[in-house]
Amino acid sequence: MRKTNPTRYSSAVGEIWVMATFKIKYCHKLFDNLGIRELTEALFNQAFDRSGIICKKMAFDSDHVHIILDMGLYSKIELAKKLKGYVAKNIFKFMPWLKNNKWDGGYFWNSGFWNSAYDIRSINDMAFYSRYLDKQKYAAKGQKMLTAY
């Protein structure tokens, strides 16, 4: 959905940098698991590519992820649905055991991966938010693709 020649379009086209925060449902500390965290990062990067979204930075804590990205022409609701939906669908595809009930080692029996709430806020000071992401428990070191697994 990225416009390659913004001068040909209306004034609605431009860059809107935001910080999006998505939290895991039930506050499970799944991102402490390196495999889940790296798969989630790769799936987010794949979702960005599929949707034409530019991601500047991504960082994880134990139960949530912060992402600095350009919204493009998407609304906040569309952005959250595209990213959270794609990642959750594929996390459960690659790690179906997460859907098992808690007695069988699962976390999300009859439920989704993400908390329904999310925070997407405009960035007025990119350096401040970038430093904030650098201070997260698991700051991203570089992009990984699914083919790396």
C-alpha atoms as a PDB file:
ATOM      1  CA  MET A   1       0.000   0.000   0.000  1.00  0.00           C
ATOM      2  CA  ARG A   2       3.059   2.242  -0.165  1.00  0.00           C
ATOM      3  CA  LYS A   3       2.842   5.078  -2.694  1.00  0.00           C
ATOM      4  CA  THR A   4       5.962   5.251  -4.854  1.00  0.00           C
ATOM      5  CA  ASN A   5       5.284   8.756  -6.175  1.00  0.00           C
ATOM      6  CA  PRO A   6       3.519  10.793  -3.477  1.00  0.00           C
ATOM      7  CA  THR A   7       3.377  13.932  -5.625  1.00  0.00           C
ATOM      8  CA  ARG A   8       0.750  12.247  -7.826  1.00  0.00           C
ATOM      9  CA  TYR A   9      -1.637  11.670  -4.926  1.00  0.00           C
ATOM     10  CA  SER A  10      -3.703  13.768  -2.547  1.00  0.00           C
ATOM     11  CA  SER A  11      -2.435  15.481   0.574  1.00  0.00           C
ATOM     12  CA  ALA A  12      -3.476  12.400   2.564  1.00  0.00           C
ATOM     13  CA  VAL A  13      -0.242  10.701   1.554  1.00  0.00           C
ATOM     14  CA  GLY A  14       2.794  11.138   3.719  1.00  0.00           C
ATOM     15  CA  GLU A  15       4.709   9.500   6.494  1.00  0.00           C
ATOM     16  CA  ILE A  16       3.005   8.845   9.802  1.00  0.00           C
ATOM     17  CA  TRP A  17       5.501   7.316  12.211  1.00  0.00           C
ATOM     18  CA  VAL A  18       3.929   5.579  15.184  1.00  0.00           C
ATOM     19  CA  MET A  19       4.888   3.264  18.004  1.00  0.00           C
ATOM     20  CA  ALA A  20       2.646   0.205  18.174  1.00  0.00           C
ATOM     21  CA  THR A  21       2.502  -1.952  21.295  1.00  0.00           C
ATOM     22  CA  PHE A  22       0.901  -5.388  21.255  1.00  0.00           C
ATOM     23  CA  LYS A  23       0.590  -7.496  24.408  1.00  0.00           C
ATOM     24  CA  ILE A  24       0.257 -11.274  24.666  1.00  0.00           C
ATOM     25  CA  LYS A  25      -3.097 -12.454  26.003  1.00  0.00           C
ATOM     26  CA  TYR A  26      -3.157 -13.371  29.704  1.00  0.00           C
ATOM     27  CA  CYS A  27       0.299 -11.733  30.092  1.00  0.00           C
ATOM     28  CA  HIS A  28       2.077 -15.019  29.385  1.00  0.00           C
ATOM     29  CA  LYS A  29       5.836 -14.404  29.364  1.00  0.00           C
ATOM     30  CA  LEU A  30       6.327 -16.229  26.052  1.00  0.00           C
ATOM     31  CA  PHE A  31       8.895 -13.842  24.611  1.00  0.00           C
ATOM     32  CA  ASP A  32      11.382 -15.062  27.240  1.00  0.00           C
ATOM     33  CA  ASN A  33      11.520 -18.123  24.958  1.00  0.00           C
ATOM     34  CA  LEU A  34      14.086 -17.334  22.233  1.00  0.00           C
ATOM     35  CA  GLY A  35      12.404 -19.554  19.623  1.00  0.00           C
ATOM     36  CA  ILE A  36       8.985 -17.941  20.060  1.00  0.00           C
ATOM     37  CA  ARG A  37      10.497 -14.448  20.103  1.00  0.00           C
ATOM     38  CA  GLU A  38      12.550 -14.983  16.931  1.00  0.00           C
ATOM     39  CA  LEU A  39       9.634 -16.609  15.107  1.00  0.00           C
ATOM     40  CA  THR A  40       7.373 -13.706  16.111  1.00  0.00           C
ATOM     41  CA  GLU A  41       9.955 -11.201  14.866  1.00  0.00           C
ATOM     42  CA  ALA A  42      10.285 -13.038  11.546  1.00  0.00           C
ATOM     43  CA  LEU A  43       6.495 -13.176  11.161  1.00  0.00           C
ATOM     44  CA  PHE A  44       6.178  -9.453  11.859  1.00  0.00           C
ATOM     45  CA  ASN A  45       8.838  -8.753   9.223  1.00  0.00           C
ATOM     46  CA  GLN A  46       6.962 -10.938   6.763  1.00  0.00           C
ATOM     47  CA  ALA A  47       3.703  -9.103   7.596  1.00  0.00           C
ATOM     48  CA  PHE A  48       5.458  -5.764   6.976  1.00  0.00           C
ATOM     49  CA  ASP A  49       6.653  -6.967   3.570  1.00  0.00           C
ATOM     50  CA  ARG A  50       3.212  -8.304   2.607  1.00  0.00           C
ATOM     51  CA  SER A  51       1.497  -5.046   3.593  1.00  0.00           C
ATOM     52  CA  GLY A  52       4.135  -2.578   2.384  1.00  0.00           C
ATOM     53  CA  ILE A  53       4.763  -1.266   5.894  1.00  0.00           C
ATOM     54  CA  ILE A  54       8.142   0.218   6.794  1.00  0.00           C
ATOM     55  CA  CYS A  55       9.423  -0.874  10.205  1.00  0.00           C
ATOM     56  CA  LYS A  56      12.182   1.219  11.729  1.00  0.00           C
ATOM     57  CA  LYS A  57      12.697  -0.715  14.965  1.00  0.00           C
ATOM     58  CA  MET A  58      11.226  -3.586  16.990  1.00  0.00           C
ATOM     59  CA  ALA A  59      11.871  -4.634  20.588  1.00  0.00           C
ATOM     60  CA  PHE A  60      10.372  -7.268  22.882  1.00  0.00           C
ATOM     61  CA  ASP A  61       9.780  -7.549  26.584  1.00  0.00           C
ATOM     62  CA  SER A  62       8.636 -10.758  28.251  1.00  0.00           C
ATOM     63  CA  ASP A  63       4.958 -10.341  27.316  1.00  0.00           C
ATOM     64  CA  HIS A  64       4.735  -7.553  24.733  1.00  0.00           C
ATOM     65  CA  VAL A  65       6.335  -6.065  21.646  1.00  0.00           C
ATOM     66  CA  HIS A  66       6.989  -2.425  20.695  1.00  0.00           C
ATOM     67  CA  ILE A  67       7.369  -1.480  17.038  1.00  0.00           C
ATOM     68  CA  ILE A  68       8.237   1.857  15.445  1.00  0.00           C
ATOM     69  CA  LEU A  69       6.719   1.920  11.965  1.00  0.00           C
ATOM     70  CA  ASP A  70       5.256   4.069   9.239  1.00  0.00           C
ATOM     71  CA  MET A  71       1.468   3.573   9.091  1.00  0.00           C
ATOM     72  CA  GLY A  72       1.277   4.499   5.424  1.00  0.00           C
ATOM     73  CA  LEU A  73      -2.379   4.777   4.432  1.00  0.00           C
ATOM     74  CA  TYR A  74      -3.699   2.288   6.995  1.00  0.00           C
ATOM     75  CA  SER A  75      -5.903   3.275   9.922  1.00  0.00           C
ATOM     76  CA  LYS A  76      -4.840   2.185  13.403  1.00  0.00           C
ATOM     77  CA  ILE A  77      -7.488  -0.547  13.394  1.00  0.00           C
ATOM     78  CA  GLU A  78      -6.419  -1.874   9.974  1.00  0.00           C
ATOM     79  CA  LEU A  79      -2.768  -1.824  11.026  1.00  0.00           C
ATOM     80  CA  ALA A  80      -3.439  -3.758  14.247  1.00  0.00           C
ATOM     81  CA  LYS A  81      -5.625  -6.331  12.464  1.00  0.00           C
ATOM     82  CA  LYS A  82      -3.118  -6.914   9.653  1.00  0.00           C
ATOM     83  CA  LEU A  83      -0.114  -7.319  11.936  1.00  0.00           C
ATOM     84  CA  LYS A  84      -1.641  -9.112  14.918  1.00  0.00           C
ATOM     85  CA  GLY A  85      -3.805 -11.351  12.736  1.00  0.00           C
ATOM     86  CA  TYR A  86      -1.001 -12.470  10.449  1.00  0.00           C
ATOM     87  CA  VAL A  87       1.407 -13.158  13.305  1.00  0.00           C
ATOM     88  CA  ALA A  88      -1.118 -15.026  15.477  1.00  0.00           C
ATOM     89  CA  LYS A  89      -2.389 -17.185  12.615  1.00  0.00           C
ATOM     90  CA  ASN A  90       1.132 -18.261  11.695  1.00  0.00           C
ATOM     91  CA  ILE A  91       2.419 -18.651  15.268  1.00  0.00           C
ATOM     92  CA  PHE A  92      -0.340 -21.216  15.856  1.00  0.00           C
ATOM     93  CA  LYS A  93       0.453 -22.843  12.500  1.00  0.00           C
ATOM     94  CA  PHE A  94       4.146 -23.279  13.371  1.00  0.00           C
ATOM     95  CA  MET A  95       3.613 -23.940  17.097  1.00  0.00           C
ATOM     96  CA  PRO A  96       0.215 -25.636  17.457  1.00  0.00           C
ATOM     97  CA  TRP A  97       1.080 -26.807  20.990  1.00  0.00           C
ATOM     98  CA  LEU A  98       0.472 -23.217  22.162  1.00  0.00           C
ATOM     99  CA  LYS A  99      -3.271 -23.867  21.641  1.00  0.00           C
ATOM    100  CA  ASN A 100      -3.290 -26.931  23.943  1.00  0.00           C
ATOM    101  CA  ASN A 101      -4.952 -26.610  27.330  1.00  0.00           C
ATOM    102  CA  LYS A 102      -2.748 -25.665  30.269  1.00  0.00           C
ATOM    103  CA  TRP A 103      -2.563 -29.248  31.547  1.00  0.00           C
ATOM    104  CA  ASP A 104      -0.994 -30.298  28.247  1.00  0.00           C
ATOM    105  CA  GLY A 105       1.582 -27.480  28.244  1.00  0.00           C
ATOM    106  CA  GLY A 106      -0.438 -24.981  26.214  1.00  0.00           C
ATOM    107  CA  TYR A 107      -1.325 -21.377  26.865  1.00  0.00           C
ATOM    108  CA  PHE A 108      -4.217 -20.300  24.630  1.00  0.00           C
ATOM    109  CA  TRP A 109      -6.849 -23.061  24.683  1.00  0.00           C
ATOM    110  CA  ASN A 110      -9.946 -21.733  22.862  1.00  0.00           C
ATOM    111  CA  SER A 111      -8.344 -18.302  22.657  1.00  0.00           C
ATOM    112  CA  GLY A 112      -6.178 -15.997  20.561  1.00  0.00           C
ATOM    113  CA  PHE A 113      -2.510 -15.074  20.886  1.00  0.00           C
ATOM    114  CA  TRP A 114      -2.831 -11.317  21.422  1.00  0.00           C
ATOM    115  CA  ASN A 115      -4.710  -9.276  23.984  1.00  0.00           C
ATOM    116  CA  SER A 116      -7.509  -7.441  22.162  1.00  0.00           C
ATOM    117  CA  ALA A 117      -6.192  -4.090  23.407  1.00  0.00           C
ATOM    118  CA  TYR A 118      -3.323  -2.367  21.648  1.00  0.00           C
ATOM    119  CA  ASP A 119      -1.590   1.002  21.732  1.00  0.00           C
ATOM    120  CA  ILE A 120      -0.651   2.836  18.554  1.00  0.00           C
ATOM    121  CA  ARG A 121       0.572   6.357  19.237  1.00  0.00           C
ATOM    122  CA  SER A 122       2.072   9.102  17.102  1.00  0.00           C
ATOM    123  CA  ILE A 123       5.757   9.767  17.552  1.00  0.00           C
ATOM    124  CA  ASN A 124       6.772  13.358  18.085  1.00  0.00           C
ATOM    125  CA  ASP A 125      10.374  12.619  19.122  1.00  0.00           C
ATOM    126  CA  MET A 126      11.860   9.681  17.197  1.00  0.00           C
ATOM    127  CA  ALA A 127      15.100   9.679  19.232  1.00  0.00           C
ATOM    128  CA  PHE A 128      13.184   9.373  22.527  1.00  0.00           C
ATOM    129  CA  TYR A 129      11.126   6.386  21.356  1.00  0.00           C
ATOM    130  CA  SER A 130      14.141   4.759  19.743  1.00  0.00           C
ATOM    131  CA  ARG A 131      16.030   4.949  23.044  1.00  0.00           C
ATOM    132  CA  TYR A 132      12.959   3.566  24.823  1.00  0.00           C
ATOM    133  CA  LEU A 133      12.966   0.520  22.550  1.00  0.00           C
ATOM    134  CA  ASP A 134      16.711   0.087  23.083  1.00  0.00           C
ATOM    135  CA  LYS A 135      16.021  -0.284  26.823  1.00  0.00           C
ATOM    136  CA  GLN A 136      13.524  -3.139  26.396  1.00  0.00           C
ATOM    137  CA  LYS A 137      14.478  -6.578  27.673  1.00  0.00           C
ATOM    138  CA  TYR A 138      14.992  -7.951  24.148  1.00  0.00           C
ATOM    139  CA  ALA A 139      15.910  -5.171  21.721  1.00  0.00           C
ATOM    140  CA  ALA A 140      16.023  -6.438  18.118  1.00  0.00           C
ATOM    141  CA  LYS A 141      19.520  -6.945  16.735  1.00  0.00           C
ATOM    142  CA  GLY A 142      18.587  -7.436  13.107  1.00  0.00           C
ATOM    143  CA  GLN A 143      15.930  -8.680  10.739  1.00  0.00           C
ATOM    144  CA  LYS A 144      15.379 -12.427  10.333  1.00  0.00           C
ATOM    145  CA  MET A 145      13.271 -14.077   7.695  1.00  0.00           C
ATOM    146  CA  LEU A 146      11.311 -17.313   8.077  1.00  0.00           C
ATOM    147  CA  THR A 147      13.775 -19.056   5.774  1.00  0.00           C
ATOM    148  CA  ALA A 148      16.373 -18.721   8.565  1.00  0.00           C
ATOM    149  CA  TYR A 149      14.546 -21.431  10.577  1.00  0.00           C
END
